C-alpha atoms as a PDB file:
ATOM      1  CA  MET A   1     121.837  88.360  88.338  1.00  0.00           C
ATOM      2  CA  ASP A   2     121.123  87.222  91.888  1.00  0.00           C
ATOM      3  CA  THR A   3     123.089  88.088  95.017  1.00  0.00           C
ATOM      4  CA  GLU A   4     125.192  84.918  94.985  1.00  0.00           C
ATOM      5  CA  LYS A   5     126.207  85.352  91.333  1.00  0.00           C
ATOM      6  CA  LEU A   6     127.193  88.984  91.958  1.00  0.00           C
ATOM      7  CA  ARG A   7     129.196  88.027  95.046  1.00  0.00           C
ATOM      8  CA  GLN A   8     131.001  85.317  93.075  1.00  0.00           C
ATOM      9  CA  LEU A   9     131.788  87.719  90.234  1.00  0.00           C
ATOM     10  CA  LEU A  10     133.248  90.300  92.627  1.00  0.00           C
ATOM     11  CA  LEU A  11     135.314  87.616  94.340  1.00  0.00           C
ATOM     12  CA  GLU A  12     136.704  86.467  90.985  1.00  0.00           C
ATOM     13  CA  VAL A  13     137.665  90.067  90.154  1.00  0.00           C
ATOM     14  CA  LYS A  14     139.326  90.431  93.544  1.00  0.00           C
ATOM     15  CA  THR A  15     141.371  87.249  93.091  1.00  0.00           C
ATOM     16  CA  GLY A  16     142.265  88.099  89.493  1.00  0.00           C
ATOM     17  CA  GLN A  17     140.319  85.227  87.939  1.00  0.00           C
ATOM     18  CA  VAL A  18     138.162  87.649  85.955  1.00  0.00           C
ATOM     19  CA  GLU A  19     139.447  90.806  84.280  1.00  0.00           C
ATOM     20  CA  VAL A  20     137.806  94.080  85.198  1.00  0.00           C
ATOM     21  CA  ASP A  21     136.641  94.754  81.637  1.00  0.00           C
ATOM     22  CA  LEU A  22     134.927  91.364  81.467  1.00  0.00           C
ATOM     23  CA  ALA A  23     133.214  92.021  84.790  1.00  0.00           C
ATOM     24  CA  VAL A  24     132.029  95.403  83.539  1.00  0.00           C
ATOM     25  CA  ASP A  25     130.624  93.711  80.442  1.00  0.00           C
ATOM     26  CA  ARG A  26     128.664  91.248  82.603  1.00  0.00           C
ATOM     27  CA  LEU A  27     127.335  94.053  84.778  1.00  0.00           C
ATOM     28  CA  ARG A  28     126.386  96.220  81.817  1.00  0.00           C
ATOM     29  CA  ARG A  29     123.020  94.455  81.596  1.00  0.00           C
ATOM     30  CA  LEU A  30     122.095  95.681  85.063  1.00  0.00           C
ATOM     31  CA  PRO A  31     119.561  96.935  85.961  1.00  0.00           C
ATOM     32  CA  TYR A  32     117.808  95.762  82.779  1.00  0.00           C
ATOM     33  CA  ASP A  33     118.576  94.025  79.503  1.00  0.00           C
ATOM     34  CA  ASP A  34     117.018  95.594  76.403  1.00  0.00           C
ATOM     35  CA  LEU A  35     115.825  93.046  73.818  1.00  0.00           C
ATOM     36  CA  ASP A  36     113.966  95.708  71.814  1.00  0.00           C
ATOM     37  CA  TYR A  37     110.595  93.980  72.315  1.00  0.00           C
ATOM     38  CA  ALA A  38     111.179  93.563  76.081  1.00  0.00           C
ATOM     39  CA  ARG A  39     113.283  95.139  78.804  1.00  0.00           C
ATOM     40  CA  LEU A  40     114.239  92.423  81.248  1.00  0.00           C
ATOM     41  CA  ASP A  41     114.617  93.454  84.885  1.00  0.00           C
ATOM     42  CA  THR A  42     117.745  91.496  85.759  1.00  0.00           C
ATOM     43  CA  HIS A  43     118.117  93.557  88.920  1.00  0.00           C
ATOM     44  CA  ARG A  44     114.971  92.205  90.605  1.00  0.00           C
ATOM     45  CA  ALA A  45     116.729  89.371  92.420  1.00  0.00           C
ATOM     46  CA  LEU A  46     119.163  91.847  93.986  1.00  0.00           C
ATOM     47  CA  ARG A  47     116.435  94.362  94.788  1.00  0.00           C
ATOM     48  CA  GLN A  48     113.628  92.101  95.983  1.00  0.00           C
ATOM     49  CA  GLY A  49     115.095  88.624  96.343  1.00  0.00           C
ATOM     50  CA  LEU A  50     112.731  87.433  93.611  1.00  0.00           C
ATOM     51  CA  PRO A  51     113.337  86.338  90.021  1.00  0.00           C
ATOM     52  CA  GLU A  52     111.895  88.074  86.980  1.00  0.00           C
ATOM     53  CA  VAL A  53     108.742  86.127  86.161  1.00  0.00           C
ATOM     54  CA  VAL A  54     107.482  86.183  82.573  1.00  0.00           C
ATOM     55  CA  PHE A  55     103.787  86.677  81.792  1.00  0.00           C
ATOM     56  CA  CYS A  56     103.604  84.626  78.585  1.00  0.00           C
ATOM     57  CA  GLN A  57     100.002  85.170  77.513  1.00  0.00           C
ATOM     58  CA  ASN A  58      99.722  87.164  74.244  1.00  0.00           C
ATOM     59  CA  LYS A  59     103.457  86.853  73.584  1.00  0.00           C
ATOM     60  CA  THR A  60     104.761  84.911  70.595  1.00  0.00           C
ATOM     61  CA  VAL A  61     106.765  81.720  71.067  1.00  0.00           C
ATOM     62  CA  GLU A  62     109.799  83.532  69.670  1.00  0.00           C
ATOM     63  CA  GLN A  63     109.438  86.314  72.228  1.00  0.00           C
ATOM     64  CA  VAL A  64     108.983  83.895  75.121  1.00  0.00           C
ATOM     65  CA  VAL A  65     111.996  81.814  74.081  1.00  0.00           C
ATOM     66  CA  GLY A  66     114.106  84.950  73.641  1.00  0.00           C
ATOM     67  CA  ILE A  67     113.142  86.317  77.052  1.00  0.00           C
ATOM     68  CA  LEU A  68     113.585  83.021  78.902  1.00  0.00           C
ATOM     69  CA  SER A  69     116.909  82.306  77.190  1.00  0.00           C
ATOM     70  CA  ARG A  70     118.337  85.670  78.177  1.00  0.00           C
ATOM     71  CA  LEU A  71     117.053  85.428  81.752  1.00  0.00           C
ATOM     72  CA  TRP A  72     118.581  81.948  81.958  1.00  0.00           C
ATOM     73  CA  GLU A  73     121.973  83.628  81.592  1.00  0.00           C
ATOM     74  CA  HIS A  74     121.340  85.626  84.777  1.00  0.00           C
ATOM     75  CA  HIS A  75     119.226  83.398  87.017  1.00  0.00           C
ATOM     76  CA  ASP A  76     119.182  79.781  88.157  1.00  0.00           C
ATOM     77  CA  ARG A  77     115.385  79.764  88.609  1.00  0.00           C
ATOM     78  CA  ILE A  78     112.901  81.259  86.138  1.00  0.00           C
ATOM     79  CA  MET A  79     109.144  80.970  85.813  1.00  0.00           C
ATOM     80  CA  GLY A  80     106.697  81.759  83.032  1.00  0.00           C
ATOM     81  CA  THR A  81     102.979  82.164  83.769  1.00  0.00           C
ATOM     82  CA  ARG A  82      99.859  81.685  81.631  1.00  0.00           C
ATOM     83  CA  VAL A  83     101.574  79.268  79.254  1.00  0.00           C
ATOM     84  CA  SER A  84      99.282  77.223  77.038  1.00  0.00           C
ATOM     85  CA  SER A  85     100.106  73.578  76.353  1.00  0.00           C
ATOM     86  CA  GLU A  86     100.830  74.438  72.727  1.00  0.00           C
ATOM     87  CA  MET A  87     103.230  77.217  73.659  1.00  0.00           C
ATOM     88  CA  ALA A  88     104.912  75.018  76.263  1.00  0.00           C
ATOM     89  CA  ALA A  89     105.606  72.327  73.676  1.00  0.00           C
ATOM     90  CA  ALA A  90     107.088  74.886  71.289  1.00  0.00           C
ATOM     91  CA  VAL A  91     109.261  76.413  74.011  1.00  0.00           C
ATOM     92  CA  GLN A  92     110.464  73.010  75.237  1.00  0.00           C
ATOM     93  CA  ALA A  93     111.524  72.140  71.704  1.00  0.00           C
ATOM     94  CA  GLN A  94     114.051  74.995  71.959  1.00  0.00           C
ATOM     95  CA  LEU A  95     114.642  74.906  75.711  1.00  0.00           C
ATOM     96  CA  PRO A  96     114.383  71.187  76.577  1.00  0.00           C
ATOM     97  CA  GLN A  97     115.385  71.830  80.200  1.00  0.00           C
ATOM     98  CA  ALA A  98     112.110  73.689  80.775  1.00  0.00           C
ATOM     99  CA  GLY A  99     109.451  71.968  82.876  1.00  0.00           C
ATOM    100  CA  TYR A 100     105.725  72.512  82.433  1.00  0.00           C
ATOM    101  CA  ASN A 101     102.651  71.841  84.562  1.00  0.00           C
ATOM    102  CA  PRO A 102      99.335  72.010  82.662  1.00  0.00           C
ATOM    103  CA  ASP A 103      97.357  72.236  85.923  1.00  0.00           C
ATOM    104  CA  SER A 104      98.846  75.632  86.726  1.00  0.00           C
ATOM    105  CA  ARG A 105     100.021  76.648  83.236  1.00  0.00           C
ATOM    106  CA  LEU A 106     103.412  77.427  84.771  1.00  0.00           C
ATOM    107  CA  LEU A 107     106.665  76.811  82.914  1.00  0.00           C
ATOM    108  CA  THR A 108     109.884  76.671  84.929  1.00  0.00           C
ATOM    109  CA  LEU A 109     113.606  76.582  84.329  1.00  0.00           C
ATOM    110  CA  ILE A 110     115.468  75.364  87.393  1.00  0.00           C
ATOM    111  CA  ARG A 111     119.221  74.979  87.611  1.00  0.00           C
ATOM    112  CA  THR A 112     119.411  75.001  91.417  1.00  0.00           C
ATOM    113  CA  GLU A 113     116.848  73.298  93.635  1.00  0.00           C
ATOM    114  CA  LEU A 114     115.805  75.041  96.847  1.00  0.00           C
ATOM    115  CA  PRO A 115     116.184  73.067 100.076  1.00  0.00           C
ATOM    116  CA  PRO A 116     112.954  71.315 101.106  1.00  0.00           C
ATOM    117  CA  GLN A 117     110.893  72.913 103.837  1.00  0.00           C
ATOM    118  CA  PRO A 118     110.724  70.918 107.106  1.00  0.00           C
ATOM    119  CA  PRO A 119     107.291  69.623 108.190  1.00  0.00           C
ATOM    120  CA  GLU A 120     107.147  72.140 111.036  1.00  0.00           C
ATOM    121  CA  ALA A 121     107.885  75.159 108.797  1.00  0.00           C
ATOM    122  CA  PRO A 122     105.293  77.940 108.485  1.00  0.00           C
ATOM    123  CA  TYR A 123     102.937  77.285 105.606  1.00  0.00           C
ATOM    124  CA  VAL A 124     100.445  78.846 103.254  1.00  0.00           C
ATOM    125  CA  LEU A 125      97.148  77.014 103.038  1.00  0.00           C
ATOM    126  CA  VAL A 126      95.528  77.146  99.585  1.00  0.00           C
ATOM    127  CA  ALA A 127      91.813  76.439 100.052  1.00  0.00           C
ATOM    128  CA  SER A 128      89.728  76.174  96.889  1.00  0.00           C
ATOM    129  CA  ALA A 129      85.928  76.198  96.834  1.00  0.00           C
ATOM    130  CA  GLY A 130      85.428  73.753  93.975  1.00  0.00           C
ATOM    131  CA  THR A 131      87.182  71.578  91.431  1.00  0.00           C
ATOM    132  CA  SER A 132      86.502  74.232  88.774  1.00  0.00           C
ATOM    133  CA  ASP A 133      88.838  76.564  90.688  1.00  0.00           C
ATOM    134  CA  HIS A 134      91.686  74.051  90.489  1.00  0.00           C
ATOM    135  CA  MET A 135      93.781  75.721  87.777  1.00  0.00           C
ATOM    136  CA  VAL A 136      93.877  79.112  89.510  1.00  0.00           C
ATOM    137  CA  ALA A 137      94.473  77.490  92.902  1.00  0.00           C
ATOM    138  CA  GLU A 138      97.393  75.516  91.503  1.00  0.00           C
ATOM    139  CA  GLU A 139      98.915  78.628  89.962  1.00  0.00           C
ATOM    140  CA  ALA A 140      98.897  80.157  93.453  1.00  0.00           C
ATOM    141  CA  ALA A 141     100.172  77.032  95.192  1.00  0.00           C
ATOM    142  CA  GLN A 142     102.919  76.240  92.702  1.00  0.00           C
ATOM    143  CA  THR A 143     104.054  79.869  92.588  1.00  0.00           C
ATOM    144  CA  ALA A 144     104.544  79.870  96.363  1.00  0.00           C
ATOM    145  CA  GLU A 145     106.345  76.517  96.166  1.00  0.00           C
ATOM    146  CA  PHE A 146     108.602  77.726  93.355  1.00  0.00           C
ATOM    147  CA  LEU A 147     109.604  80.701  95.497  1.00  0.00           C
ATOM    148  CA  GLY A 148     110.453  78.398  98.404  1.00  0.00           C
ATOM    149  CA  SER A 149     107.375  78.367 100.633  1.00  0.00           C
ATOM    150  CA  ARG A 150     105.720  75.344 102.184  1.00  0.00           C
ATOM    151  CA  VAL A 151     102.197  74.833 100.821  1.00  0.00           C
ATOM    152  CA  VAL A 152      99.259  72.761 102.080  1.00  0.00           C
ATOM    153  CA  ARG A 153      96.191  72.295  99.873  1.00  0.00           C
ATOM    154  CA  LEU A 154      92.494  72.030 100.714  1.00  0.00           C
ATOM    155  CA  ARG A 155      90.400  71.192  97.666  1.00  0.00           C
ATOM    156  CA  ASP A 156      86.617  71.374  97.154  1.00  0.00           C
ATOM    157  CA  VAL A 157      85.676  72.950 100.494  1.00  0.00           C
ATOM    158  CA  GLY A 158      83.154  75.501  99.255  1.00  0.00           C
ATOM    159  CA  VAL A 159      80.232  76.853 101.276  1.00  0.00           C
ATOM    160  CA  ALA A 160      77.671  74.693  99.429  1.00  0.00           C
ATOM    161  CA  GLY A 161      78.851  71.950 101.786  1.00  0.00           C
ATOM    162  CA  ILE A 162      80.440  73.928 104.593  1.00  0.00           C
ATOM    163  CA  HIS A 163      80.944  70.843 106.763  1.00  0.00           C
ATOM    164  CA  ARG A 164      83.785  69.924 104.384  1.00  0.00           C
ATOM    165  CA  LEU A 165      85.610  73.095 105.405  1.00  0.00           C
ATOM    166  CA  LEU A 166      84.806  72.824 109.115  1.00  0.00           C
ATOM    167  CA  ASN A 167      86.177  69.288 109.106  1.00  0.00           C
ATOM    168  CA  GLU A 168      89.618  70.816 108.358  1.00  0.00           C
ATOM    169  CA  ARG A 169      89.751  73.245 111.287  1.00  0.00           C
ATOM    170  CA  GLU A 170      93.174  72.034 112.421  1.00  0.00           C
ATOM    171  CA  LYS A 171      94.792  72.937 109.093  1.00  0.00           C
ATOM    172  CA  LEU A 172      92.969  76.262 109.062  1.00  0.00           C
ATOM    173  CA  ASP A 173      94.031  77.118 112.603  1.00  0.00           C
ATOM    174  CA  GLN A 174      97.673  76.154 112.089  1.00  0.00           C
ATOM    175  CA  ALA A 175      98.145  78.002 108.779  1.00  0.00           C
ATOM    176  CA  ASP A 176     100.279  81.151 108.785  1.00  0.00           C
ATOM    177  CA  VAL A 177      98.562  82.634 105.734  1.00  0.00           C
ATOM    178  CA  ILE A 178      95.577  81.356 103.753  1.00  0.00           C
ATOM    179  CA  ILE A 179      94.726  81.817 100.089  1.00  0.00           C
ATOM    180  CA  SER A 180      90.975  81.404  99.629  1.00  0.00           C
ATOM    181  CA  VAL A 181      90.134  80.570  96.015  1.00  0.00           C
ATOM    182  CA  ALA A 182      86.500  80.854  94.927  1.00  0.00           C
ATOM    183  CA  GLY A 183      84.277  81.799  92.017  1.00  0.00           C
ATOM    184  CA  MET A 184      80.459  81.990  91.908  1.00  0.00           C
ATOM    185  CA  GLU A 185      79.524  84.328  94.798  1.00  0.00           C
ATOM    186  CA  GLY A 186      82.965  84.110  96.467  1.00  0.00           C
ATOM    187  CA  ALA A 187      81.550  83.445  99.936  1.00  0.00           C
ATOM    188  CA  LEU A 188      84.346  81.082 100.994  1.00  0.00           C
ATOM    189  CA  THR A 189      86.720  83.963 101.704  1.00  0.00           C
ATOM    190  CA  SER A 190      84.397  85.651 104.196  1.00  0.00           C
ATOM    191  CA  VAL A 191      83.763  82.356 105.967  1.00  0.00           C
ATOM    192  CA  ILE A 192      87.468  81.575 106.300  1.00  0.00           C
ATOM    193  CA  GLY A 193      88.239  85.149 107.300  1.00  0.00           C
ATOM    194  CA  GLY A 194      85.754  84.855 110.150  1.00  0.00           C
ATOM    195  CA  LEU A 195      87.278  81.607 111.435  1.00  0.00           C
ATOM    196  CA  VAL A 196      91.028  82.208 111.547  1.00  0.00           C
ATOM    197  CA  SER A 197      93.528  84.635 113.063  1.00  0.00           C
ATOM    198  CA  CYS A 198      96.093  84.628 110.231  1.00  0.00           C
ATOM    199  CA  PRO A 199      96.067  86.851 107.111  1.00  0.00           C
ATOM    200  CA  VAL A 200      93.642  85.698 104.403  1.00  0.00           C
ATOM    201  CA  ILE A 201      94.180  86.426 100.709  1.00  0.00           C
ATOM    202  CA  GLY A 202      90.987  86.321  98.675  1.00  0.00           C
ATOM    203  CA  LEU A 203      91.526  84.988  95.160  1.00  0.00           C
ATOM    204  CA  PRO A 204      88.379  85.334  93.042  1.00  0.00           C
ATOM    205  CA  THR A 205      88.045  83.141  89.951  1.00  0.00           C
ATOM    206  CA  SER A 206      86.087  83.637  86.755  1.00  0.00           C
ATOM    207  CA  VAL A 207      84.035  80.505  87.474  1.00  0.00           C
ATOM    208  CA  GLY A 208      80.258  80.747  87.570  1.00  0.00           C
ATOM    209  CA  TYR A 209      77.032  81.341  85.679  1.00  0.00           C
ATOM    210  CA  GLY A 210      76.110  84.582  83.924  1.00  0.00           C
ATOM    211  CA  ALA A 211      75.448  86.802  86.937  1.00  0.00           C
ATOM    212  CA  SER A 212      78.889  86.016  88.296  1.00  0.00           C
ATOM    213  CA  PHE A 213      80.145  88.266  85.452  1.00  0.00           C
ATOM    214  CA  ASN A 214      83.346  86.274  84.875  1.00  0.00           C
ATOM    215  CA  GLY A 215      84.499  86.654  88.477  1.00  0.00           C
ATOM    216  CA  LEU A 216      83.358  90.209  89.147  1.00  0.00           C
ATOM    217  CA  ALA A 217      80.717  89.032  91.637  1.00  0.00           C
ATOM    218  CA  ALA A 218      83.306  87.040  93.592  1.00  0.00           C
ATOM    219  CA  LEU A 219      85.755  89.945  93.472  1.00  0.00           C
ATOM    220  CA  LEU A 220      83.214  92.428  94.830  1.00  0.00           C
ATOM    221  CA  ALA A 221      82.042  89.988  97.506  1.00  0.00           C
ATOM    222  CA  MET A 222      85.602  89.509  98.738  1.00  0.00           C
ATOM    223  CA  LEU A 223      86.325  93.248  98.640  1.00  0.00           C
ATOM    224  CA  ASN A 224      83.157  93.859 100.656  1.00  0.00           C
ATOM    225  CA  SER A 225      83.814  91.073 103.150  1.00  0.00           C
ATOM    226  CA  CYS A 226      82.814  91.909 106.725  1.00  0.00           C
ATOM    227  CA  ALA A 227      85.514  89.528 107.996  1.00  0.00           C
ATOM    228  CA  SER A 228      88.637  91.332 109.212  1.00  0.00           C
ATOM    229  CA  GLY A 229      92.141  90.482 108.058  1.00  0.00           C
ATOM    230  CA  VAL A 230      91.164  89.824 104.427  1.00  0.00           C
ATOM    231  CA  THR A 231      92.988  91.244 101.429  1.00  0.00           C
ATOM    232  CA  VAL A 232      92.070  90.531  97.799  1.00  0.00           C
ATOM    233  CA  VAL A 233      93.971  90.087  94.538  1.00  0.00           C
ATOM    234  CA  ASN A 234      92.555  90.392  91.042  1.00  0.00           C
ATOM    235  CA  ILE A 235      90.354  87.838  89.288  1.00  0.00           C
ATOM    236  CA  ASP A 236      92.252  84.625  88.431  1.00  0.00           C
ATOM    237  CA  ASN A 237      95.532  86.145  89.674  1.00  0.00           C
ATOM    238  CA  GLY A 238      96.938  82.990  91.217  1.00  0.00           C
ATOM    239  CA  PHE A 239     100.489  84.181  90.653  1.00  0.00           C
ATOM    240  CA  GLY A 240      99.883  87.388  92.600  1.00  0.00           C
ATOM    241  CA  ALA A 241      98.265  85.541  95.490  1.00  0.00           C
ATOM    242  CA  GLY A 242     101.069  82.970  95.683  1.00  0.00           C
ATOM    243  CA  LEU A 243     103.784  85.616  95.605  1.00  0.00           C
ATOM    244  CA  TYR A 244     102.048  87.747  98.250  1.00  0.00           C
ATOM    245  CA  ALA A 245     101.663  84.737 100.529  1.00  0.00           C
ATOM    246  CA  HIS A 246     105.359  83.940 100.060  1.00  0.00           C
ATOM    247  CA  LEU A 247     106.331  87.481 101.077  1.00  0.00           C
ATOM    248  CA  ILE A 248     104.360  87.087 104.306  1.00  0.00           C
ATOM    249  CA  LEU A 249     106.028  83.762 105.099  1.00  0.00           C
ATOM    250  CA  ARG A 250     109.421  85.208 104.268  1.00  0.00           C
ATOM    251  CA  ARG A 251     108.960  87.727 107.094  1.00  0.00           C
ATOM    252  CA  ILE A 252     108.103  84.882 109.459  1.00  0.00           C
ATOM    253  CA  GLN A 253     110.983  82.717 108.283  1.00  0.00           C
ATOM    254  CA  PRO A 254     113.796  84.966 106.955  1.00  0.00           C
ATOM    255  CA  ASP A 255     115.775  82.059 105.481  1.00  0.00           C
ATOM    256  CA  ASN A 256     112.806  81.287 103.195  1.00  0.00           C
ATOM    257  CA  VAL A 257     114.145  83.483 100.393  1.00  0.00           C
ATOM    258  CA  GLU A 258     114.390  82.980  96.643  1.00  0.00           C
ATOM    259  CA  GLY A 259     117.097  84.861  94.799  1.00  0.00           C
END
């Protein structure tokens, strides 16, 4: 239940449109709703201004449908992460209003659209080193967009051809927060961190040959960056990077709030 739904419920009780016992029944599921196999945090929108996002990997279709269906009763905007194309098709067969993007593996249920961000609004720049990083970069970008942030993308600007990155200095300089997405040796994050004055979020990916150790090399390189102002999320954690970037922008632009 988000703030607006709670306010509306209390108003309906005040005006006599809803009986007290019915209101108590609706509120009984706060702060969480126990489905036996999952305890849904329906209080998150009130507490953090963010919806409960479902990590769908390793869950059954039945569990995902059950969780999303129950959350749909409380929220107007819901997102599931790490959804395979096969799972998305099965979920959409039971929840046809669900949208799915195979680039990011994000599944969304949206009853209320957020107002579009104006062109001059603060933005998160998602800069990805190579095309192989695209899926993780899109998870970050689309997560931030789902939450209400303005996103600008820079694709294929890795250090193997650093002139491609330097050619985009205006976008780098004007960004309010940057997500740097890179696998292999993860050098892009240090380069960007040394060029800009805004916060930089390093997002290592599991892309690379054997000695990259499925993203561990990129993770360690970003953690050991000599550039100041860099923070790092876990390997392939596009959702975490996108949400963190959104929280930064929300402090810059208080009206930029989901919930």
